[in-house]
Amino acid sequence: MALARLLVITSNFHFERARDTFQWVYGLSDGSCELTVIAVPDSGIDRDSLNVRREKERRSLLSLRQPMREIETLARLQHWLFLRHDAYN
């Protein structure tokens, strides 16, 4: 059974990468899933740590741009995730 609606709640510093990634992945399927991504404030994180996290998110999103352009099917995404992505290969 496919998801009809999906709500993602994430930190503000992580919002852009989370949104773009979920849009990419769910866009590879039939596209019928209603996706909503909401950011919550980055409260409780000191300024230096927040700057480090924002920079890491920026670099991570930049590194995803190429695969997002090249991968057009769920099968190719699965192959990339488990054989080429640094976190899973």
PDB file of N, CA and C in Angstrom:
ATOM      1  N   MET A   1       0.841  -1.182   0.000  1.00  0.00           N
ATOM      2  CA  MET A   1       0.000   0.000   0.000  1.00  0.00           C
ATOM      3  C   MET A   1       0.887   1.247   0.000  1.00  0.00           C
ATOM      4  N   ALA A   2       0.671   2.134  -0.915  1.00  0.00           N
ATOM      5  CA  ALA A   2       1.457   3.365  -1.012  1.00  0.00           C
ATOM      6  C   ALA A   2       0.921   4.409  -0.043  1.00  0.00           C
ATOM      7  N   LEU A   3       1.800   5.292   0.372  1.00  0.00           N
ATOM      8  CA  LEU A   3       1.394   6.387   1.246  1.00  0.00           C
ATOM      9  C   LEU A   3       0.597   7.413   0.447  1.00  0.00           C
ATOM     10  N   ALA A   4      -0.492   7.887   1.036  1.00  0.00           N
ATOM     11  CA  ALA A   4      -1.275   8.935   0.393  1.00  0.00           C
ATOM     12  C   ALA A   4      -0.790  10.303   0.837  1.00  0.00           C
ATOM     13  N   ARG A   5      -0.387  10.409   2.114  1.00  0.00           N
ATOM     14  CA  ARG A   5       0.092  11.675   2.655  1.00  0.00           C
ATOM     15  C   ARG A   5       1.274  11.403   3.568  1.00  0.00           C
ATOM     16  N   LEU A   6       2.217  12.317   3.555  1.00  0.00           N
ATOM     17  CA  LEU A   6       3.397  12.196   4.398  1.00  0.00           C
ATOM     18  C   LEU A   6       3.724  13.564   4.976  1.00  0.00           C
ATOM     19  N   LEU A   7       3.899  13.598   6.303  1.00  0.00           N
ATOM     20  CA  LEU A   7       4.288  14.814   6.995  1.00  0.00           C
ATOM     21  C   LEU A   7       5.663  14.604   7.589  1.00  0.00           C
ATOM     22  N   VAL A   8       6.610  15.454   7.219  1.00  0.00           N
ATOM     23  CA  VAL A   8       7.970  15.394   7.743  1.00  0.00           C
ATOM     24  C   VAL A   8       8.171  16.648   8.595  1.00  0.00           C
ATOM     25  N   ILE A   9       8.579  16.443   9.837  1.00  0.00           N
ATOM     26  CA  ILE A   9       8.879  17.547  10.735  1.00  0.00           C
ATOM     27  C   ILE A   9      10.358  17.460  11.071  1.00  0.00           C
ATOM     28  N   THR A  10      11.068  18.552  10.811  1.00  0.00           N
ATOM     29  CA  THR A  10      12.516  18.538  10.995  1.00  0.00           C
ATOM     30  C   THR A  10      13.002  19.878  11.528  1.00  0.00           C
ATOM     31  N   SER A  11      14.221  19.915  11.953  1.00  0.00           N
ATOM     32  CA  SER A  11      14.835  21.152  12.429  1.00  0.00           C
ATOM     33  C   SER A  11      14.970  22.150  11.291  1.00  0.00           C
ATOM     34  N   ASN A  12      14.931  23.412  11.633  1.00  0.00           N
ATOM     35  CA  ASN A  12      15.067  24.461  10.633  1.00  0.00           C
ATOM     36  C   ASN A  12      16.375  24.325   9.849  1.00  0.00           C
ATOM     37  N   PHE A  13      17.493  24.006  10.550  1.00  0.00           N
ATOM     38  CA  PHE A  13      18.779  23.901   9.854  1.00  0.00           C
ATOM     39  C   PHE A  13      18.806  22.743   8.864  1.00  0.00           C
ATOM     40  N   HIS A  14      17.928  21.769   9.038  1.00  0.00           N
ATOM     41  CA  HIS A  14      17.897  20.567   8.207  1.00  0.00           C
ATOM     42  C   HIS A  14      16.782  20.620   7.160  1.00  0.00           C
ATOM     43  N   PHE A  15      15.973  21.649   7.202  1.00  0.00           N
ATOM     44  CA  PHE A  15      14.763  21.722   6.393  1.00  0.00           C
ATOM     45  C   PHE A  15      15.012  21.565   4.895  1.00  0.00           C
ATOM     46  N   GLU A  16      15.906  22.359   4.344  1.00  0.00           N
ATOM     47  CA  GLU A  16      16.098  22.382   2.886  1.00  0.00           C
ATOM     48  C   GLU A  16      16.522  21.013   2.353  1.00  0.00           C
ATOM     49  N   ARG A  17      17.478  20.377   3.017  1.00  0.00           N
ATOM     50  CA  ARG A  17      17.933  19.066   2.536  1.00  0.00           C
ATOM     51  C   ARG A  17      16.840  18.012   2.701  1.00  0.00           C
ATOM     52  N   ALA A  18      16.141  18.057   3.835  1.00  0.00           N
ATOM     53  CA  ALA A  18      15.054  17.098   4.057  1.00  0.00           C
ATOM     54  C   ALA A  18      13.965  17.271   3.000  1.00  0.00           C
ATOM     55  N   ARG A  19      13.543  18.500   2.777  1.00  0.00           N
ATOM     56  CA  ARG A  19      12.496  18.766   1.780  1.00  0.00           C
ATOM     57  C   ARG A  19      12.915  18.304   0.394  1.00  0.00           C
ATOM     58  N   ASP A  20      14.103  18.719  -0.036  1.00  0.00           N
ATOM     59  CA  ASP A  20      14.556  18.363  -1.382  1.00  0.00           C
ATOM     60  C   ASP A  20      14.720  16.857  -1.541  1.00  0.00           C
ATOM     61  N   THR A  21      15.216  16.192  -0.513  1.00  0.00           N
ATOM     62  CA  THR A  21      15.412  14.741  -0.582  1.00  0.00           C
ATOM     63  C   THR A  21      14.081  14.006  -0.654  1.00  0.00           C
ATOM     64  N   PHE A  22      13.140  14.378   0.215  1.00  0.00           N
ATOM     65  CA  PHE A  22      11.832  13.716   0.178  1.00  0.00           C
ATOM     66  C   PHE A  22      11.118  13.994  -1.139  1.00  0.00           C
ATOM     67  N   GLN A  23      11.186  15.212  -1.645  1.00  0.00           N
ATOM     68  CA  GLN A  23      10.570  15.513  -2.940  1.00  0.00           C
ATOM     69  C   GLN A  23      11.191  14.666  -4.044  1.00  0.00           C
ATOM     70  N   TRP A  24      12.498  14.514  -4.012  1.00  0.00           N
ATOM     71  CA  TRP A  24      13.203  13.704  -5.016  1.00  0.00           C
ATOM     72  C   TRP A  24      12.752  12.256  -4.936  1.00  0.00           C
ATOM     73  N   VAL A  25      12.842  11.673  -3.752  1.00  0.00           N
ATOM     74  CA  VAL A  25      12.538  10.249  -3.593  1.00  0.00           C
ATOM     75  C   VAL A  25      11.075   9.960  -3.938  1.00  0.00           C
ATOM     76  N   TYR A  26      10.153  10.739  -3.389  1.00  0.00           N
ATOM     77  CA  TYR A  26       8.746  10.485  -3.676  1.00  0.00           C
ATOM     78  C   TYR A  26       8.379  10.877  -5.097  1.00  0.00           C
ATOM     79  N   GLY A  27       9.129  11.749  -5.717  1.00  0.00           N
ATOM     80  CA  GLY A  27       8.917  12.073  -7.114  1.00  0.00           C
ATOM     81  C   GLY A  27       9.320  10.945  -8.050  1.00  0.00           C
ATOM     82  N   LEU A  28      10.152  10.028  -7.571  1.00  0.00           N
ATOM     83  CA  LEU A  28      10.555   8.875  -8.385  1.00  0.00           C
ATOM     84  C   LEU A  28       9.456   7.830  -8.460  1.00  0.00           C
ATOM     85  N   SER A  29       8.528   7.877  -7.519  1.00  0.00           N
ATOM     86  CA  SER A  29       7.405   6.937  -7.550  1.00  0.00           C
ATOM     87  C   SER A  29       6.311   7.533  -8.419  1.00  0.00           C
ATOM     88  N   ASP A  30       5.093   7.131  -8.222  1.00  0.00           N
ATOM     89  CA  ASP A  30       4.015   7.615  -9.085  1.00  0.00           C
ATOM     90  C   ASP A  30       3.609   9.058  -8.800  1.00  0.00           C
ATOM     91  N   GLY A  31       4.205   9.652  -7.761  1.00  0.00           N
ATOM     92  CA  GLY A  31       3.955  11.062  -7.478  1.00  0.00           C
ATOM     93  C   GLY A  31       2.624  11.355  -6.830  1.00  0.00           C
ATOM     94  N   SER A  32       1.919  10.341  -6.378  1.00  0.00           N
ATOM     95  CA  SER A  32       0.593  10.572  -5.814  1.00  0.00           C
ATOM     96  C   SER A  32       0.618  10.889  -4.322  1.00  0.00           C
ATOM     97  N   CYS A  33       1.759  10.838  -3.708  1.00  0.00           N
ATOM     98  CA  CYS A  33       1.876  11.115  -2.279  1.00  0.00           C
ATOM     99  C   CYS A  33       1.883  12.619  -2.038  1.00  0.00           C
ATOM    100  N   GLU A  34       1.001  13.075  -1.143  1.00  0.00           N
ATOM    101  CA  GLU A  34       0.979  14.481  -0.747  1.00  0.00           C
ATOM    102  C   GLU A  34       2.032  14.680   0.336  1.00  0.00           C
ATOM    103  N   LEU A  35       3.057  15.450   0.038  1.00  0.00           N
ATOM    104  CA  LEU A  35       4.184  15.645   0.941  1.00  0.00           C
ATOM    105  C   LEU A  35       4.129  17.030   1.563  1.00  0.00           C
ATOM    106  N   THR A  36       4.250  17.070   2.882  1.00  0.00           N
ATOM    107  CA  THR A  36       4.347  18.328   3.615  1.00  0.00           C
ATOM    108  C   THR A  36       5.582  18.254   4.492  1.00  0.00           C
ATOM    109  N   VAL A  37       6.433  19.262   4.409  1.00  0.00           N
ATOM    110  CA  VAL A  37       7.644  19.322   5.232  1.00  0.00           C
ATOM    111  C   VAL A  37       7.568  20.597   6.070  1.00  0.00           C
ATOM    112  N   ILE A  38       7.693  20.443   7.373  1.00  0.00           N
ATOM    113  CA  ILE A  38       7.591  21.559   8.307  1.00  0.00           C
ATOM    114  C   ILE A  38       8.891  21.661   9.099  1.00  0.00           C
ATOM    115  N   ALA A  39       9.358  22.887   9.263  1.00  0.00           N
ATOM    116  CA  ALA A  39      10.566  23.126  10.064  1.00  0.00           C
ATOM    117  C   ALA A  39      10.169  23.651  11.437  1.00  0.00           C
ATOM    118  N   VAL A  40      10.869  23.162  12.437  1.00  0.00           N
ATOM    119  CA  VAL A  40      10.701  23.680  13.796  1.00  0.00           C
ATOM    120  C   VAL A  40      11.936  24.501  14.138  1.00  0.00           C
ATOM    121  N   PRO A  41      11.814  25.438  15.067  1.00  0.00           N
ATOM    122  CA  PRO A  41      12.950  26.299  15.401  1.00  0.00           C
ATOM    123  C   PRO A  41      14.161  25.512  15.898  1.00  0.00           C
ATOM    124  N   ASP A  42      15.311  26.091  15.678  1.00  0.00           N
ATOM    125  CA  ASP A  42      16.577  25.492  16.122  1.00  0.00           C
ATOM    126  C   ASP A  42      16.905  25.900  17.557  1.00  0.00           C
ATOM    127  N   SER A  43      15.905  26.069  18.375  1.00  0.00           N
ATOM    128  CA  SER A  43      16.135  26.514  19.747  1.00  0.00           C
ATOM    129  C   SER A  43      16.879  25.449  20.547  1.00  0.00           C
ATOM    130  N   GLY A  44      17.720  25.918  21.459  1.00  0.00           N
ATOM    131  CA  GLY A  44      18.481  25.006  22.308  1.00  0.00           C
ATOM    132  C   GLY A  44      19.832  24.612  21.737  1.00  0.00           C
ATOM    133  N   ILE A  45      20.136  25.075  20.539  1.00  0.00           N
ATOM    134  CA  ILE A  45      21.428  24.770  19.909  1.00  0.00           C
ATOM    135  C   ILE A  45      22.260  26.051  19.942  1.00  0.00           C
ATOM    136  N   ASP A  46      23.454  25.969  20.508  1.00  0.00           N
ATOM    137  CA  ASP A  46      24.279  27.177  20.576  1.00  0.00           C
ATOM    138  C   ASP A  46      24.709  27.601  19.171  1.00  0.00           C
ATOM    139  N   ARG A  47      25.047  28.867  19.040  1.00  0.00           N
ATOM    140  CA  ARG A  47      25.340  29.466  17.736  1.00  0.00           C
ATOM    141  C   ARG A  47      26.451  28.747  16.981  1.00  0.00           C
ATOM    142  N   ASP A  48      27.537  28.406  17.662  1.00  0.00           N
ATOM    143  CA  ASP A  48      28.655  27.739  16.980  1.00  0.00           C
ATOM    144  C   ASP A  48      28.239  26.365  16.454  1.00  0.00           C
ATOM    145  N   SER A  49      27.551  25.604  17.284  1.00  0.00           N
ATOM    146  CA  SER A  49      27.084  24.282  16.857  1.00  0.00           C
ATOM    147  C   SER A  49      26.093  24.394  15.709  1.00  0.00           C
ATOM    148  N   LEU A  50      25.224  25.373  15.778  1.00  0.00           N
ATOM    149  CA  LEU A  50      24.248  25.577  14.719  1.00  0.00           C
ATOM    150  C   LEU A  50      24.938  25.935  13.406  1.00  0.00           C
ATOM    151  N   ASN A  51      25.953  26.771  13.465  1.00  0.00           N
ATOM    152  CA  ASN A  51      26.704  27.119  12.252  1.00  0.00           C
ATOM    153  C   ASN A  51      27.385  25.901  11.654  1.00  0.00           C
ATOM    154  N   VAL A  52      27.933  25.027  12.494  1.00  0.00           N
ATOM    155  CA  VAL A  52      28.557  23.792  12.015  1.00  0.00           C
ATOM    156  C   VAL A  52      27.512  22.912  11.338  1.00  0.00           C
ATOM    157  N   ARG A  53      26.357  22.764  11.959  1.00  0.00           N
ATOM    158  CA  ARG A  53      25.292  21.936  11.385  1.00  0.00           C
ATOM    159  C   ARG A  53      24.792  22.515  10.059  1.00  0.00           C
ATOM    160  N   ARG A  54      24.615  23.820  10.003  1.00  0.00           N
ATOM    161  CA  ARG A  54      24.159  24.452   8.756  1.00  0.00           C
ATOM    162  C   ARG A  54      25.158  24.224   7.632  1.00  0.00           C
ATOM    163  N   GLU A  55      26.434  24.349   7.938  1.00  0.00           N
ATOM    164  CA  GLU A  55      27.460  24.129   6.917  1.00  0.00           C
ATOM    165  C   GLU A  55      27.467  22.674   6.455  1.00  0.00           C
ATOM    166  N   LYS A  56      27.316  21.751   7.376  1.00  0.00           N
ATOM    167  CA  LYS A  56      27.262  20.336   7.007  1.00  0.00           C
ATOM    168  C   LYS A  56      26.050  20.062   6.112  1.00  0.00           C
ATOM    169  N   GLU A  57      24.920  20.643   6.447  1.00  0.00           N
ATOM    170  CA  GLU A  57      23.721  20.484   5.625  1.00  0.00           C
ATOM    171  C   GLU A  57      23.938  21.068   4.233  1.00  0.00           C
ATOM    172  N   ARG A  58      24.559  22.236   4.161  1.00  0.00           N
ATOM    173  CA  ARG A  58      24.820  22.875   2.877  1.00  0.00           C
ATOM    174  C   ARG A  58      25.678  21.985   1.987  1.00  0.00           C
ATOM    175  N   ARG A  59      26.766  21.450   2.571  1.00  0.00           N
ATOM    176  CA  ARG A  59      27.655  20.563   1.804  1.00  0.00           C
ATOM    177  C   ARG A  59      26.932  19.275   1.394  1.00  0.00           C
ATOM    178  N   SER A  60      26.146  18.729   2.299  1.00  0.00           N
ATOM    179  CA  SER A  60      25.424  17.491   1.994  1.00  0.00           C
ATOM    180  C   SER A  60      24.431  17.697   0.861  1.00  0.00           C
ATOM    181  N   LEU A  61      23.720  18.814   0.898  1.00  0.00           N
ATOM    182  CA  LEU A  61      22.765  19.084  -0.168  1.00  0.00           C
ATOM    183  C   LEU A  61      23.480  19.288  -1.498  1.00  0.00           C
ATOM    184  N   LEU A  62      24.590  19.992  -1.477  1.00  0.00           N
ATOM    185  CA  LEU A  62      25.361  20.164  -2.716  1.00  0.00           C
ATOM    186  C   LEU A  62      25.803  18.819  -3.284  1.00  0.00           C
ATOM    187  N   SER A  63      26.220  17.908  -2.410  1.00  0.00           N
ATOM    188  CA  SER A  63      26.674  16.594  -2.895  1.00  0.00           C
ATOM    189  C   SER A  63      25.518  15.751  -3.426  1.00  0.00           C
ATOM    190  N   LEU A  64      24.294  16.060  -3.031  1.00  0.00           N
ATOM    191  CA  LEU A  64      23.130  15.319  -3.539  1.00  0.00           C
ATOM    192  C   LEU A  64      22.638  15.832  -4.884  1.00  0.00           C
ATOM    193  N   ARG A  65      23.009  17.022  -5.247  1.00  0.00           N
ATOM    194  CA  ARG A  65      22.491  17.623  -6.487  1.00  0.00           C
ATOM    195  C   ARG A  65      22.781  16.767  -7.722  1.00  0.00           C
ATOM    196  N   GLN A  66      23.984  16.228  -7.830  1.00  0.00           N
ATOM    197  CA  GLN A  66      24.325  15.404  -8.994  1.00  0.00           C
ATOM    198  C   GLN A  66      23.484  14.125  -9.048  1.00  0.00           C
ATOM    199  N   PRO A  67      23.444  13.333  -7.976  1.00  0.00           N
ATOM    200  CA  PRO A  67      22.577  12.146  -8.025  1.00  0.00           C
ATOM    201  C   PRO A  67      21.110  12.499  -8.289  1.00  0.00           C
ATOM    202  N   MET A  68      20.647  13.620  -7.758  1.00  0.00           N
ATOM    203  CA  MET A  68      19.255  14.018  -7.999  1.00  0.00           C
ATOM    204  C   MET A  68      18.993  14.265  -9.483  1.00  0.00           C
ATOM    205  N   ARG A  69      19.989  14.764 -10.194  1.00  0.00           N
ATOM    206  CA  ARG A  69      19.840  14.995 -11.634  1.00  0.00           C
ATOM    207  C   ARG A  69      19.930  13.695 -12.428  1.00  0.00           C
ATOM    208  N   GLU A  70      20.734  12.758 -11.944  1.00  0.00           N
ATOM    209  CA  GLU A  70      21.014  11.549 -12.713  1.00  0.00           C
ATOM    210  C   GLU A  70      20.065  10.386 -12.429  1.00  0.00           C
ATOM    211  N   ILE A  71      19.590  10.271 -11.214  1.00  0.00           N
ATOM    212  CA  ILE A  71      18.787   9.111 -10.819  1.00  0.00           C
ATOM    213  C   ILE A  71      17.319   9.401 -11.058  1.00  0.00           C
ATOM    214  N   GLU A  72      16.705   8.584 -11.912  1.00  0.00           N
ATOM    215  CA  GLU A  72      15.324   8.839 -12.323  1.00  0.00           C
ATOM    216  C   GLU A  72      14.364   7.707 -12.013  1.00  0.00           C
ATOM    217  N   THR A  73      14.850   6.646 -11.368  1.00  0.00           N
ATOM    218  CA  THR A  73      13.962   5.539 -11.007  1.00  0.00           C
ATOM    219  C   THR A  73      14.281   5.079  -9.587  1.00  0.00           C
ATOM    220  N   LEU A  74      13.312   4.438  -8.961  1.00  0.00           N
ATOM    221  CA  LEU A  74      13.539   3.907  -7.617  1.00  0.00           C
ATOM    222  C   LEU A  74      14.606   2.810  -7.625  1.00  0.00           C
ATOM    223  N   ALA A  75      14.669   2.029  -8.674  1.00  0.00           N
ATOM    224  CA  ALA A  75      15.681   0.973  -8.763  1.00  0.00           C
ATOM    225  C   ALA A  75      17.093   1.575  -8.804  1.00  0.00           C
ATOM    226  N   ARG A  76      17.268   2.622  -9.573  1.00  0.00           N
ATOM    227  CA  ARG A  76      18.584   3.280  -9.631  1.00  0.00           C
ATOM    228  C   ARG A  76      18.921   3.967  -8.305  1.00  0.00           C
ATOM    229  N   LEU A  77      17.905   4.512  -7.633  1.00  0.00           N
ATOM    230  CA  LEU A  77      18.124   5.109  -6.319  1.00  0.00           C
ATOM    231  C   LEU A  77      18.583   4.049  -5.325  1.00  0.00           C
ATOM    232  N   GLN A  78      17.935   2.909  -5.331  1.00  0.00           N
ATOM    233  CA  GLN A  78      18.321   1.820  -4.429  1.00  0.00           C
ATOM    234  C   GLN A  78      19.764   1.387  -4.711  1.00  0.00           C
ATOM    235  N   HIS A  79      20.107   1.241  -5.953  1.00  0.00           N
ATOM    236  CA  HIS A  79      21.473   0.861  -6.330  1.00  0.00           C
ATOM    237  C   HIS A  79      22.465   1.900  -5.811  1.00  0.00           C
ATOM    238  N   TRP A  80      22.186   3.183  -6.044  1.00  0.00           N
ATOM    239  CA  TRP A  80      23.074   4.252  -5.589  1.00  0.00           C
ATOM    240  C   TRP A  80      23.199   4.270  -4.066  1.00  0.00           C
ATOM    241  N   LEU A  81      22.078   4.148  -3.360  1.00  0.00           N
ATOM    242  CA  LEU A  81      22.107   4.193  -1.896  1.00  0.00           C
ATOM    243  C   LEU A  81      22.974   3.093  -1.300  1.00  0.00           C
ATOM    244  N   PHE A  82      22.797   1.875  -1.789  1.00  0.00           N
ATOM    245  CA  PHE A  82      23.462   0.746  -1.149  1.00  0.00           C
ATOM    246  C   PHE A  82      24.833   0.403  -1.717  1.00  0.00           C
ATOM    247  N   LEU A  83      25.182   0.965  -2.858  1.00  0.00           N
ATOM    248  CA  LEU A  83      26.489   0.662  -3.438  1.00  0.00           C
ATOM    249  C   LEU A  83      27.408   1.873  -3.575  1.00  0.00           C
ATOM    250  N   ARG A  84      26.853   3.073  -3.580  1.00  0.00           N
ATOM    251  CA  ARG A  84      27.697   4.247  -3.817  1.00  0.00           C
ATOM    252  C   ARG A  84      27.643   5.301  -2.724  1.00  0.00           C
ATOM    253  N   HIS A  85      26.533   5.396  -2.010  1.00  0.00           N
ATOM    254  CA  HIS A  85      26.387   6.420  -0.970  1.00  0.00           C
ATOM    255  C   HIS A  85      27.290   6.110   0.217  1.00  0.00           C
ATOM    256  N   ASP A  86      27.998   7.115   0.708  1.00  0.00           N
ATOM    257  CA  ASP A  86      28.990   6.909   1.777  1.00  0.00           C
ATOM    258  C   ASP A  86      28.390   6.355   3.055  1.00  0.00           C
ATOM    259  N   ALA A  87      27.148   6.636   3.357  1.00  0.00           N
ATOM    260  CA  ALA A  87      26.571   6.177   4.628  1.00  0.00           C
ATOM    261  C   ALA A  87      26.177   4.703   4.606  1.00  0.00           C
ATOM    262  N   TYR A  88      25.957   4.126   3.428  1.00  0.00           N
ATOM    263  CA  TYR A  88      25.411   2.770   3.376  1.00  0.00           C
ATOM    264  C   TYR A  88      26.264   1.743   2.641  1.00  0.00           C
ATOM    265  N   ASN A  89      27.189   2.168   1.795  1.00  0.00           N
ATOM    266  CA  ASN A  89      27.924   1.178   1.013  1.00  0.00           C
ATOM    267  C   ASN A  89      28.954   0.440   1.834  1.00  0.00           C
TER     268      ASN A  89
END
